[in-house]
Amino acid sequence: MDFICPRCGAKSSEKKFVESFCIDCFKRYIDIDTPAAVEIPVCRQCDRVKLAQWQEKDSEAIGKYILKQCKVDYDTAKAEVTDRGECDISFVINAKGARIEVSEHVGIKFLPTMCENCSRTTSGYFEAIIQLRGSDENVEKAMQRLMPVLEKNSFISKIKEDRRGVDLYVGSKQIAAAAISHMNLTPKISNKLHGVRDGQRIYRTTFSVRV
């Protein structure tokens, strides 16, 4: 004997039923709260996106971020960013003893802006100066090792060259110190008062390194 769905008239011989409803109509009674679209800031300079923090634009990370914005009690879920500028999400939900798959589409709205690093770079901001001193060959080798680390974890706002060597103006003094330490170099360190912010003195640090 066939059951008939009271909502759409489908028969149990044609569709799977959950209690008195066909599975398609039963899905309408599951509490699923997904946003129509999620806004994600994107840096117009470096093309990084801000999720929990600024990071490289990565489809998998964006999908996971959008999934966290959904209020759904699911067992498993898969989120895939598409070329259409939206995220296809597939939820697997256990309800009334049935394992149900529900698909949703969430739009993605990228908001052009500038990340903190790029904003500071364009304004010439820096917290530290790494002064490389030595032969031209040694200074060049040191720069080739230092710059990828500094640019990955912070930024270099200016490079100044003269007959004494090269000065690298670095956005973060902590990253500058860590990069020098990683190369097993021992710098001479000096601090210069730059200003006062919120009652705290702000210093710029110079690391003088012989290579």
N, C-alpha and C. Protein backbone atom coordinates (compact mmCIF):
# COMPACT_ATOMS: atom_id res chain seq x y z
N MET A 1 0.84 -1.20 0.00
CA MET A 1 0.00 0.00 0.00
C MET A 1 0.87 1.24 0.00
N ASP A 2 0.58 2.13 -0.92
CA ASP A 2 1.35 3.37 -1.03
C ASP A 2 0.88 4.40 0.00
N PHE A 3 1.90 5.13 0.53
CA PHE A 3 1.59 6.33 1.30
C PHE A 3 1.61 7.51 0.34
N ILE A 4 0.79 8.49 0.62
CA ILE A 4 0.73 9.68 -0.22
C ILE A 4 1.15 10.88 0.61
N CYS A 5 2.11 11.65 0.07
CA CYS A 5 2.59 12.85 0.78
C CYS A 5 1.47 13.88 0.82
N PRO A 6 1.09 14.36 2.02
CA PRO A 6 0.00 15.33 2.12
C PRO A 6 0.35 16.71 1.56
N ARG A 7 1.60 16.92 1.28
CA ARG A 7 2.01 18.25 0.80
C ARG A 7 2.07 18.32 -0.72
N CYS A 8 2.69 17.27 -1.35
CA CYS A 8 2.86 17.33 -2.81
C CYS A 8 2.14 16.22 -3.55
N GLY A 9 1.62 15.23 -2.82
CA GLY A 9 0.89 14.15 -3.46
C GLY A 9 1.76 13.02 -3.99
N ALA A 10 3.08 13.05 -3.72
CA ALA A 10 3.96 11.98 -4.19
C ALA A 10 3.65 10.67 -3.47
N LYS A 11 3.90 9.56 -4.15
CA LYS A 11 3.64 8.25 -3.58
C LYS A 11 4.92 7.63 -3.03
N SER A 12 4.76 6.78 -2.00
CA SER A 12 5.92 6.14 -1.38
C SER A 12 6.60 5.16 -2.32
N SER A 13 5.91 4.76 -3.35
CA SER A 13 6.54 3.88 -4.35
C SER A 13 7.43 4.66 -5.30
N GLU A 14 7.27 5.98 -5.29
CA GLU A 14 8.03 6.84 -6.19
C GLU A 14 9.20 7.52 -5.47
N LYS A 15 9.03 7.82 -4.19
CA LYS A 15 10.04 8.53 -3.42
C LYS A 15 10.20 7.91 -2.05
N LYS A 16 11.35 8.20 -1.45
CA LYS A 16 11.58 7.81 -0.07
C LYS A 16 10.74 8.70 0.84
N PHE A 17 10.16 8.10 1.89
CA PHE A 17 9.35 8.84 2.83
C PHE A 17 10.04 8.91 4.20
N VAL A 18 9.86 10.04 4.88
CA VAL A 18 10.26 10.19 6.27
C VAL A 18 9.00 10.53 7.04
N GLU A 19 8.56 9.60 7.90
CA GLU A 19 7.27 9.70 8.56
C GLU A 19 6.18 9.85 7.50
N SER A 20 5.37 10.89 7.56
CA SER A 20 4.22 10.99 6.63
C SER A 20 4.54 11.74 5.35
N PHE A 21 5.76 12.31 5.25
CA PHE A 21 6.10 13.15 4.10
C PHE A 21 7.16 12.50 3.22
N CYS A 22 7.11 12.85 1.92
CA CYS A 22 8.20 12.42 1.04
C CYS A 22 9.45 13.18 1.47
N ILE A 23 10.59 12.64 1.11
CA ILE A 23 11.84 13.22 1.61
C ILE A 23 12.04 14.65 1.15
N ASP A 24 11.59 15.00 -0.06
CA ASP A 24 11.77 16.37 -0.56
C ASP A 24 10.95 17.35 0.27
N CYS A 25 9.73 16.99 0.62
CA CYS A 25 8.89 17.88 1.43
C CYS A 25 9.36 17.90 2.88
N PHE A 26 9.87 16.77 3.36
CA PHE A 26 10.36 16.72 4.73
C PHE A 26 11.55 17.67 4.93
N LYS A 27 12.37 17.82 3.87
CA LYS A 27 13.52 18.72 3.96
C LYS A 27 13.11 20.15 4.30
N ARG A 28 11.89 20.52 3.89
CA ARG A 28 11.43 21.89 4.12
C ARG A 28 11.20 22.17 5.60
N TYR A 29 11.09 21.11 6.38
CA TYR A 29 10.82 21.28 7.81
C TYR A 29 12.10 21.19 8.64
N ILE A 30 13.23 20.98 7.99
CA ILE A 30 14.51 20.94 8.70
C ILE A 30 15.00 22.36 8.88
N ASP A 31 15.49 22.66 10.07
CA ASP A 31 15.93 24.02 10.38
C ASP A 31 17.29 24.28 9.75
N ILE A 32 17.29 25.00 8.63
CA ILE A 32 18.52 25.33 7.91
C ILE A 32 18.59 26.84 7.73
N ASP A 33 19.60 27.45 8.31
CA ASP A 33 19.76 28.91 8.23
C ASP A 33 21.11 29.22 7.59
N THR A 34 21.08 29.53 6.30
CA THR A 34 22.30 29.89 5.58
C THR A 34 22.14 31.31 5.03
N PRO A 35 23.21 32.09 5.04
CA PRO A 35 23.12 33.46 4.50
C PRO A 35 22.97 33.45 2.98
N ALA A 36 22.28 34.46 2.47
CA ALA A 36 22.16 34.57 1.01
C ALA A 36 23.52 34.83 0.38
N ALA A 37 24.35 35.62 1.10
CA ALA A 37 25.69 35.94 0.60
C ALA A 37 26.60 36.26 1.80
N VAL A 38 27.88 36.03 1.62
CA VAL A 38 28.87 36.35 2.64
C VAL A 38 29.85 37.36 2.06
N GLU A 39 30.08 38.44 2.80
CA GLU A 39 31.02 39.46 2.35
C GLU A 39 32.43 39.13 2.84
N ILE A 40 33.40 39.18 1.93
CA ILE A 40 34.79 38.87 2.26
C ILE A 40 35.68 40.00 1.75
N PRO A 41 36.38 40.70 2.64
CA PRO A 41 37.31 41.74 2.19
C PRO A 41 38.46 41.14 1.39
N VAL A 42 38.84 41.79 0.29
CA VAL A 42 39.98 41.35 -0.52
C VAL A 42 40.87 42.56 -0.77
N CYS A 43 42.17 42.38 -0.57
CA CYS A 43 43.11 43.49 -0.75
C CYS A 43 43.33 43.74 -2.24
N ARG A 44 43.09 44.97 -2.65
CA ARG A 44 43.26 45.31 -4.07
C ARG A 44 44.73 45.37 -4.47
N GLN A 45 45.62 45.36 -3.47
CA GLN A 45 47.05 45.46 -3.75
C GLN A 45 47.68 44.08 -3.90
N CYS A 46 47.45 43.20 -2.91
CA CYS A 46 48.13 41.89 -2.90
C CYS A 46 47.18 40.73 -3.17
N ASP A 47 45.88 41.00 -3.26
CA ASP A 47 44.85 40.00 -3.58
C ASP A 47 44.64 38.99 -2.45
N ARG A 48 45.12 39.27 -1.24
CA ARG A 48 44.82 38.39 -0.11
C ARG A 48 43.41 38.69 0.39
N VAL A 49 42.82 37.74 1.10
CA VAL A 49 41.47 37.90 1.64
C VAL A 49 41.51 37.85 3.15
N LYS A 50 40.52 38.49 3.77
CA LYS A 50 40.43 38.48 5.23
C LYS A 50 39.35 37.51 5.65
N LEU A 51 39.76 36.39 6.23
CA LEU A 51 38.83 35.42 6.80
C LEU A 51 38.91 35.61 8.31
N ALA A 52 39.50 34.66 9.04
CA ALA A 52 39.76 34.94 10.45
C ALA A 52 40.86 36.00 10.54
N GLN A 53 41.75 35.97 9.57
CA GLN A 53 42.83 36.95 9.45
C GLN A 53 43.18 37.07 7.97
N TRP A 54 44.08 38.01 7.64
CA TRP A 54 44.48 38.16 6.24
C TRP A 54 45.31 36.96 5.81
N GLN A 55 44.97 36.38 4.66
CA GLN A 55 45.69 35.22 4.16
C GLN A 55 45.56 35.13 2.64
N GLU A 56 46.34 34.23 2.06
CA GLU A 56 46.27 34.03 0.61
C GLU A 56 44.87 33.55 0.21
N LYS A 57 44.43 33.97 -0.97
CA LYS A 57 43.10 33.56 -1.45
C LYS A 57 43.13 32.07 -1.78
N ASP A 58 42.37 31.29 -1.02
CA ASP A 58 42.36 29.84 -1.16
C ASP A 58 40.91 29.36 -1.12
N SER A 59 40.50 28.64 -2.15
CA SER A 59 39.11 28.22 -2.27
C SER A 59 38.66 27.34 -1.10
N GLU A 60 39.52 26.45 -0.66
CA GLU A 60 39.15 25.56 0.44
C GLU A 60 38.95 26.34 1.74
N ALA A 61 39.86 27.29 2.00
CA ALA A 61 39.75 28.10 3.22
C ALA A 61 38.50 28.98 3.17
N ILE A 62 38.18 29.53 2.00
CA ILE A 62 36.99 30.36 1.85
C ILE A 62 35.73 29.52 2.09
N GLY A 63 35.73 28.29 1.56
CA GLY A 63 34.59 27.39 1.76
C GLY A 63 34.37 27.08 3.23
N LYS A 64 35.44 26.80 3.96
CA LYS A 64 35.33 26.51 5.39
C LYS A 64 34.84 27.73 6.17
N TYR A 65 35.31 28.91 5.75
CA TYR A 65 34.89 30.15 6.41
C TYR A 65 33.38 30.37 6.22
N ILE A 66 32.89 30.17 4.98
CA ILE A 66 31.47 30.35 4.70
C ILE A 66 30.64 29.32 5.47
N LEU A 67 31.14 28.11 5.57
CA LEU A 67 30.43 27.06 6.29
C LEU A 67 30.21 27.44 7.75
N LYS A 68 31.17 28.15 8.33
CA LYS A 68 31.05 28.58 9.73
C LYS A 68 29.96 29.64 9.90
N GLN A 69 29.58 30.30 8.80
CA GLN A 69 28.54 31.32 8.88
C GLN A 69 27.13 30.71 8.80
N CYS A 70 27.07 29.41 8.53
CA CYS A 70 25.78 28.73 8.40
C CYS A 70 25.34 28.16 9.74
N LYS A 71 24.09 28.36 10.08
CA LYS A 71 23.55 27.83 11.33
C LYS A 71 22.72 26.59 11.02
N VAL A 72 23.43 25.48 10.95
CA VAL A 72 22.81 24.21 10.60
C VAL A 72 23.36 23.11 11.50
N ASP A 73 22.47 22.30 12.05
CA ASP A 73 22.90 21.16 12.87
C ASP A 73 23.11 19.96 11.96
N TYR A 74 24.33 19.82 11.45
CA TYR A 74 24.61 18.77 10.46
C TYR A 74 25.61 17.76 11.02
N ASP A 75 25.66 16.62 10.35
CA ASP A 75 26.65 15.59 10.71
C ASP A 75 27.94 15.78 9.92
N THR A 76 27.79 15.98 8.63
CA THR A 76 28.93 16.30 7.78
C THR A 76 28.50 17.36 6.77
N ALA A 77 29.48 18.05 6.23
CA ALA A 77 29.17 19.08 5.23
C ALA A 77 30.37 19.25 4.30
N LYS A 78 30.08 19.62 3.07
CA LYS A 78 31.12 19.88 2.09
C LYS A 78 30.82 21.21 1.41
N ALA A 79 31.82 22.09 1.38
CA ALA A 79 31.64 23.40 0.76
C ALA A 79 32.61 23.55 -0.41
N GLU A 80 32.10 23.98 -1.55
CA GLU A 80 32.93 24.14 -2.75
C GLU A 80 32.68 25.49 -3.39
N VAL A 81 33.74 26.27 -3.53
CA VAL A 81 33.65 27.58 -4.18
C VAL A 81 33.66 27.37 -5.69
N THR A 82 32.70 27.97 -6.37
CA THR A 82 32.55 27.74 -7.80
C THR A 82 33.02 28.95 -8.60
N ASP A 83 33.11 28.75 -9.92
CA ASP A 83 33.50 29.83 -10.83
C ASP A 83 32.38 30.87 -10.97
N ARG A 84 31.20 30.55 -10.48
CA ARG A 84 30.06 31.46 -10.60
C ARG A 84 30.08 32.53 -9.51
N GLY A 85 31.07 32.46 -8.63
CA GLY A 85 31.16 33.44 -7.55
C GLY A 85 30.25 33.13 -6.39
N GLU A 86 30.01 31.84 -6.15
CA GLU A 86 29.22 31.43 -5.00
C GLU A 86 29.79 30.14 -4.42
N CYS A 87 29.21 29.71 -3.31
CA CYS A 87 29.68 28.51 -2.63
C CYS A 87 28.56 27.48 -2.59
N ASP A 88 28.80 26.30 -3.16
CA ASP A 88 27.83 25.20 -3.11
C ASP A 88 28.12 24.37 -1.86
N ILE A 89 27.10 24.23 -1.01
CA ILE A 89 27.27 23.50 0.24
C ILE A 89 26.32 22.31 0.26
N SER A 90 26.86 21.16 0.62
CA SER A 90 26.06 19.95 0.75
C SER A 90 26.10 19.50 2.22
N PHE A 91 24.94 19.54 2.88
CA PHE A 91 24.84 19.10 4.28
C PHE A 91 24.28 17.68 4.34
N VAL A 92 24.84 16.86 5.20
CA VAL A 92 24.26 15.55 5.51
C VAL A 92 23.73 15.63 6.93
N ILE A 93 22.40 15.40 7.08
CA ILE A 93 21.72 15.59 8.36
C ILE A 93 20.97 14.31 8.73
N ASN A 94 21.10 13.91 9.97
CA ASN A 94 20.31 12.79 10.48
C ASN A 94 19.08 13.35 11.19
N ALA A 95 17.90 13.03 10.68
CA ALA A 95 16.65 13.53 11.26
C ALA A 95 15.59 12.43 11.21
N LYS A 96 14.96 12.19 12.35
CA LYS A 96 13.89 11.19 12.44
C LYS A 96 14.36 9.83 11.93
N GLY A 97 15.63 9.51 12.20
CA GLY A 97 16.16 8.22 11.79
C GLY A 97 16.54 8.13 10.33
N ALA A 98 16.39 9.22 9.60
CA ALA A 98 16.73 9.23 8.17
C ALA A 98 17.99 10.05 7.94
N ARG A 99 18.80 9.63 6.99
CA ARG A 99 20.01 10.36 6.60
C ARG A 99 19.67 11.17 5.36
N ILE A 100 19.66 12.50 5.54
CA ILE A 100 19.15 13.37 4.48
C ILE A 100 20.26 14.30 4.00
N GLU A 101 20.35 14.47 2.69
CA GLU A 101 21.32 15.40 2.10
C GLU A 101 20.59 16.63 1.59
N VAL A 102 21.06 17.79 2.03
CA VAL A 102 20.45 19.07 1.63
C VAL A 102 21.50 19.95 0.97
N SER A 103 21.19 20.51 -0.17
CA SER A 103 22.13 21.38 -0.89
C SER A 103 21.69 22.83 -0.78
N GLU A 104 22.66 23.72 -0.55
CA GLU A 104 22.39 25.15 -0.46
C GLU A 104 23.44 25.90 -1.27
N HIS A 105 23.08 27.11 -1.70
CA HIS A 105 23.99 27.96 -2.46
C HIS A 105 24.14 29.29 -1.72
N VAL A 106 25.37 29.67 -1.43
CA VAL A 106 25.65 30.93 -0.73
C VAL A 106 26.50 31.81 -1.65
N GLY A 107 26.04 33.02 -1.88
CA GLY A 107 26.80 33.95 -2.72
C GLY A 107 28.04 34.47 -2.00
N ILE A 108 29.02 34.88 -2.77
CA ILE A 108 30.25 35.46 -2.22
C ILE A 108 30.40 36.86 -2.78
N LYS A 109 30.52 37.83 -1.89
CA LYS A 109 30.71 39.22 -2.32
C LYS A 109 32.08 39.69 -1.83
N PHE A 110 33.02 39.82 -2.76
CA PHE A 110 34.36 40.28 -2.41
C PHE A 110 34.35 41.81 -2.34
N LEU A 111 34.81 42.35 -1.22
CA LEU A 111 34.82 43.79 -1.00
C LEU A 111 36.24 44.32 -1.15
N PRO A 112 36.54 45.08 -2.22
CA PRO A 112 37.89 45.60 -2.41
C PRO A 112 38.28 46.56 -1.29
N THR A 113 39.46 46.35 -0.73
CA THR A 113 39.99 47.22 0.32
C THR A 113 41.51 47.08 0.30
N MET A 114 42.18 47.48 1.35
CA MET A 114 43.62 47.28 1.46
C MET A 114 43.92 46.64 2.80
N CYS A 115 44.74 45.61 2.79
CA CYS A 115 45.13 44.97 4.04
C CYS A 115 46.07 45.90 4.81
N GLU A 116 46.26 45.59 6.07
CA GLU A 116 47.09 46.44 6.92
C GLU A 116 48.52 46.54 6.40
N ASN A 117 49.07 45.41 5.96
CA ASN A 117 50.45 45.42 5.47
C ASN A 117 50.61 46.32 4.24
N CYS A 118 49.70 46.18 3.28
CA CYS A 118 49.81 46.98 2.05
C CYS A 118 49.57 48.46 2.34
N SER A 119 48.64 48.74 3.25
CA SER A 119 48.38 50.12 3.63
C SER A 119 49.62 50.76 4.25
N ARG A 120 50.28 50.00 5.10
CA ARG A 120 51.49 50.52 5.74
C ARG A 120 52.64 50.63 4.75
N THR A 121 52.71 49.65 3.83
CA THR A 121 53.78 49.69 2.84
C THR A 121 53.69 50.94 1.97
N THR A 122 52.49 51.24 1.49
CA THR A 122 52.32 52.39 0.61
C THR A 122 52.53 53.71 1.35
N SER A 123 52.36 53.70 2.68
CA SER A 123 52.56 54.93 3.45
C SER A 123 54.00 55.07 3.94
N GLY A 124 54.85 54.04 3.64
CA GLY A 124 56.25 54.10 4.06
C GLY A 124 56.47 53.71 5.51
N TYR A 125 55.50 53.07 6.14
CA TYR A 125 55.60 52.69 7.55
C TYR A 125 56.71 51.67 7.76
N PHE A 126 57.42 51.77 8.88
CA PHE A 126 58.39 50.74 9.26
C PHE A 126 58.63 50.82 10.76
N GLU A 127 58.98 49.68 11.34
CA GLU A 127 59.31 49.59 12.76
C GLU A 127 60.78 49.31 12.99
N ALA A 128 61.46 48.83 11.95
CA ALA A 128 62.85 48.43 12.13
C ALA A 128 63.66 48.68 10.86
N ILE A 129 64.96 48.86 11.05
CA ILE A 129 65.90 48.96 9.93
C ILE A 129 66.96 47.88 10.13
N ILE A 130 67.14 47.06 9.11
CA ILE A 130 68.23 46.08 9.13
C ILE A 130 69.35 46.64 8.26
N GLN A 131 70.46 46.97 8.90
CA GLN A 131 71.62 47.50 8.18
C GLN A 131 72.59 46.35 7.90
N LEU A 132 72.76 46.02 6.62
CA LEU A 132 73.69 44.96 6.22
C LEU A 132 75.00 45.61 5.80
N ARG A 133 76.07 45.19 6.45
CA ARG A 133 77.39 45.76 6.19
C ARG A 133 78.39 44.64 5.92
N GLY A 134 79.22 44.84 4.91
CA GLY A 134 80.21 43.85 4.54
C GLY A 134 80.55 43.99 3.08
N SER A 135 81.16 42.98 2.51
CA SER A 135 81.49 43.02 1.08
C SER A 135 80.21 42.98 0.26
N ASP A 136 80.28 43.49 -0.96
CA ASP A 136 79.10 43.51 -1.83
C ASP A 136 78.52 42.11 -2.01
N GLU A 137 79.42 41.12 -2.14
CA GLU A 137 78.97 39.74 -2.36
C GLU A 137 78.22 39.21 -1.13
N ASN A 138 78.76 39.44 0.06
CA ASN A 138 78.13 38.94 1.28
C ASN A 138 76.80 39.65 1.56
N VAL A 139 76.77 40.95 1.28
CA VAL A 139 75.53 41.71 1.48
C VAL A 139 74.45 41.19 0.54
N GLU A 140 74.81 40.92 -0.70
CA GLU A 140 73.84 40.41 -1.68
C GLU A 140 73.30 39.04 -1.24
N LYS A 141 74.19 38.16 -0.77
CA LYS A 141 73.76 36.84 -0.31
C LYS A 141 72.83 36.95 0.90
N ALA A 142 73.16 37.84 1.82
CA ALA A 142 72.32 38.03 3.01
C ALA A 142 70.94 38.55 2.62
N MET A 143 70.89 39.48 1.65
CA MET A 143 69.61 40.01 1.19
C MET A 143 68.75 38.91 0.58
N GLN A 144 69.36 38.03 -0.22
CA GLN A 144 68.62 36.96 -0.88
C GLN A 144 68.01 36.00 0.12
N ARG A 145 68.66 35.84 1.28
CA ARG A 145 68.12 34.96 2.32
C ARG A 145 67.09 35.67 3.19
N LEU A 146 67.33 36.94 3.47
CA LEU A 146 66.46 37.68 4.37
C LEU A 146 65.13 38.10 3.74
N MET A 147 65.19 38.61 2.52
CA MET A 147 64.02 39.24 1.92
C MET A 147 62.81 38.32 1.77
N PRO A 148 62.97 37.06 1.34
CA PRO A 148 61.78 36.20 1.24
C PRO A 148 61.09 36.00 2.59
N VAL A 149 61.89 35.89 3.66
CA VAL A 149 61.32 35.69 5.00
C VAL A 149 60.59 36.96 5.46
N LEU A 150 61.21 38.10 5.24
CA LEU A 150 60.61 39.36 5.65
C LEU A 150 59.34 39.66 4.88
N GLU A 151 59.34 39.40 3.57
CA GLU A 151 58.18 39.69 2.74
C GLU A 151 57.03 38.72 2.99
N LYS A 152 57.36 37.48 3.41
CA LYS A 152 56.33 36.50 3.69
C LYS A 152 55.62 36.82 5.00
N ASN A 153 56.37 37.22 6.02
CA ASN A 153 55.81 37.40 7.36
C ASN A 153 55.53 38.85 7.73
N SER A 154 56.09 39.79 6.97
CA SER A 154 55.85 41.20 7.22
C SER A 154 55.90 41.91 5.87
N PHE A 155 56.65 43.00 5.77
CA PHE A 155 56.84 43.67 4.48
C PHE A 155 58.07 44.56 4.57
N ILE A 156 58.62 44.89 3.41
CA ILE A 156 59.76 45.81 3.30
C ILE A 156 59.24 47.07 2.61
N SER A 157 59.24 48.18 3.33
CA SER A 157 58.67 49.41 2.76
C SER A 157 59.69 50.20 1.93
N LYS A 158 60.99 49.95 2.18
CA LYS A 158 62.01 50.67 1.42
C LYS A 158 63.34 49.92 1.49
N ILE A 159 64.12 50.01 0.43
CA ILE A 159 65.49 49.48 0.40
C ILE A 159 66.42 50.63 0.03
N LYS A 160 67.38 50.90 0.88
CA LYS A 160 68.30 52.01 0.65
C LYS A 160 69.72 51.46 0.51
N GLU A 161 70.34 51.78 -0.61
CA GLU A 161 71.70 51.31 -0.86
C GLU A 161 72.67 52.49 -0.90
N ASP A 162 73.86 52.29 -0.32
CA ASP A 162 74.95 53.27 -0.46
C ASP A 162 76.27 52.52 -0.39
N ARG A 163 77.36 53.24 -0.34
CA ARG A 163 78.68 52.60 -0.40
C ARG A 163 78.97 51.76 0.85
N ARG A 164 78.26 52.00 1.94
CA ARG A 164 78.50 51.24 3.17
C ARG A 164 77.78 49.90 3.18
N GLY A 165 76.71 49.77 2.42
CA GLY A 165 75.93 48.54 2.41
C GLY A 165 74.49 48.81 2.03
N VAL A 166 73.59 48.06 2.63
CA VAL A 166 72.16 48.15 2.31
C VAL A 166 71.35 48.25 3.59
N ASP A 167 70.33 49.11 3.57
CA ASP A 167 69.38 49.24 4.68
C ASP A 167 68.01 48.73 4.23
N LEU A 168 67.45 47.81 5.00
CA LEU A 168 66.11 47.30 4.73
C LEU A 168 65.15 47.86 5.77
N TYR A 169 64.13 48.57 5.32
CA TYR A 169 63.14 49.14 6.23
C TYR A 169 61.98 48.15 6.35
N VAL A 170 61.81 47.59 7.55
CA VAL A 170 60.92 46.45 7.76
C VAL A 170 59.70 46.85 8.59
N GLY A 171 58.54 46.31 8.24
CA GLY A 171 57.30 46.66 8.91
C GLY A 171 57.20 46.21 10.35
N SER A 172 57.82 45.08 10.70
CA SER A 172 57.71 44.54 12.06
C SER A 172 59.09 44.31 12.65
N LYS A 173 59.33 44.87 13.84
CA LYS A 173 60.63 44.67 14.49
C LYS A 173 60.78 43.23 14.99
N GLN A 174 59.64 42.60 15.37
CA GLN A 174 59.70 41.21 15.83
C GLN A 174 60.11 40.28 14.69
N ILE A 175 59.54 40.50 13.51
CA ILE A 175 59.88 39.66 12.35
C ILE A 175 61.32 39.92 11.93
N ALA A 176 61.75 41.17 11.99
CA ALA A 176 63.14 41.49 11.64
C ALA A 176 64.11 40.77 12.57
N ALA A 177 63.83 40.81 13.87
CA ALA A 177 64.70 40.14 14.85
C ALA A 177 64.71 38.63 14.63
N ALA A 178 63.52 38.05 14.34
CA ALA A 178 63.43 36.60 14.14
C ALA A 178 64.19 36.18 12.89
N ALA A 179 64.10 36.97 11.82
CA ALA A 179 64.79 36.63 10.56
C ALA A 179 66.30 36.66 10.75
N ILE A 180 66.79 37.65 11.47
CA ILE A 180 68.24 37.76 11.74
C ILE A 180 68.71 36.60 12.59
N SER A 181 67.92 36.26 13.63
CA SER A 181 68.27 35.14 14.51
C SER A 181 68.29 33.82 13.74
N HIS A 182 67.34 33.66 12.81
CA HIS A 182 67.26 32.43 12.02
C HIS A 182 68.52 32.23 11.17
N MET A 183 69.16 33.33 10.79
CA MET A 183 70.38 33.27 9.99
C MET A 183 71.63 33.15 10.88
N ASN A 184 71.41 33.02 12.20
CA ASN A 184 72.51 32.90 13.17
C ASN A 184 73.47 34.09 13.12
N LEU A 185 72.89 35.27 12.92
CA LEU A 185 73.68 36.50 12.91
C LEU A 185 73.49 37.24 14.23
N THR A 186 74.53 37.93 14.66
CA THR A 186 74.45 38.69 15.91
C THR A 186 74.50 40.18 15.59
N PRO A 187 73.37 40.88 15.72
CA PRO A 187 73.34 42.30 15.36
C PRO A 187 73.69 43.21 16.54
N LYS A 188 74.10 44.41 16.21
CA LYS A 188 74.15 45.48 17.20
C LYS A 188 72.80 46.18 17.13
N ILE A 189 72.18 46.36 18.30
CA ILE A 189 70.81 46.86 18.33
C ILE A 189 70.76 48.24 18.99
N SER A 190 70.05 49.14 18.35
CA SER A 190 69.81 50.46 18.94
C SER A 190 68.36 50.84 18.72
N ASN A 191 67.81 51.61 19.66
CA ASN A 191 66.41 52.04 19.59
C ASN A 191 66.33 53.56 19.57
N LYS A 192 65.43 54.07 18.76
CA LYS A 192 65.24 55.52 18.65
C LYS A 192 63.78 55.84 18.87
N LEU A 193 63.50 56.80 19.75
CA LEU A 193 62.13 57.19 20.03
C LEU A 193 61.49 57.79 18.77
N HIS A 194 60.35 57.21 18.39
CA HIS A 194 59.65 57.68 17.19
C HIS A 194 58.46 58.57 17.52
N GLY A 195 57.83 58.32 18.66
CA GLY A 195 56.67 59.11 19.04
C GLY A 195 55.97 58.48 20.23
N VAL A 196 54.78 58.97 20.54
CA VAL A 196 53.98 58.48 21.66
C VAL A 196 52.58 58.17 21.15
N ARG A 197 52.07 56.98 21.50
CA ARG A 197 50.73 56.57 21.08
C ARG A 197 49.99 56.02 22.30
N ASP A 198 48.84 56.60 22.58
CA ASP A 198 48.04 56.18 23.74
C ASP A 198 48.86 56.18 25.03
N GLY A 199 49.72 57.17 25.17
CA GLY A 199 50.52 57.30 26.37
C GLY A 199 51.75 56.41 26.40
N GLN A 200 51.95 55.59 25.34
CA GLN A 200 53.10 54.68 25.28
C GLN A 200 54.13 55.21 24.28
N ARG A 201 55.39 55.14 24.70
CA ARG A 201 56.46 55.55 23.79
C ARG A 201 56.66 54.51 22.68
N ILE A 202 56.79 54.97 21.45
CA ILE A 202 56.98 54.11 20.30
C ILE A 202 58.42 54.25 19.82
N TYR A 203 59.13 53.12 19.73
CA TYR A 203 60.53 53.14 19.31
C TYR A 203 60.70 52.43 17.97
N ARG A 204 61.65 52.91 17.19
CA ARG A 204 62.10 52.21 16.00
C ARG A 204 63.44 51.59 16.31
N THR A 205 63.61 50.36 15.86
CA THR A 205 64.82 49.59 16.19
C THR A 205 65.71 49.44 14.97
N THR A 206 66.99 49.65 15.16
CA THR A 206 67.98 49.44 14.09
C THR A 206 68.84 48.23 14.45
N PHE A 207 68.88 47.27 13.52
CA PHE A 207 69.73 46.08 13.66
C PHE A 207 70.90 46.24 12.71
N SER A 208 72.10 46.45 13.22
CA SER A 208 73.30 46.59 12.39
C SER A 208 73.99 45.23 12.35
N VAL A 209 74.11 44.68 11.13
CA VAL A 209 74.62 43.32 10.99
C VAL A 209 75.83 43.31 10.08
N ARG A 210 76.91 42.71 10.56
CA ARG A 210 78.12 42.53 9.74
C ARG A 210 78.05 41.15 9.09
N VAL A 211 78.12 41.11 7.77
CA VAL A 211 78.03 39.84 7.05
C VAL A 211 79.27 39.58 6.22
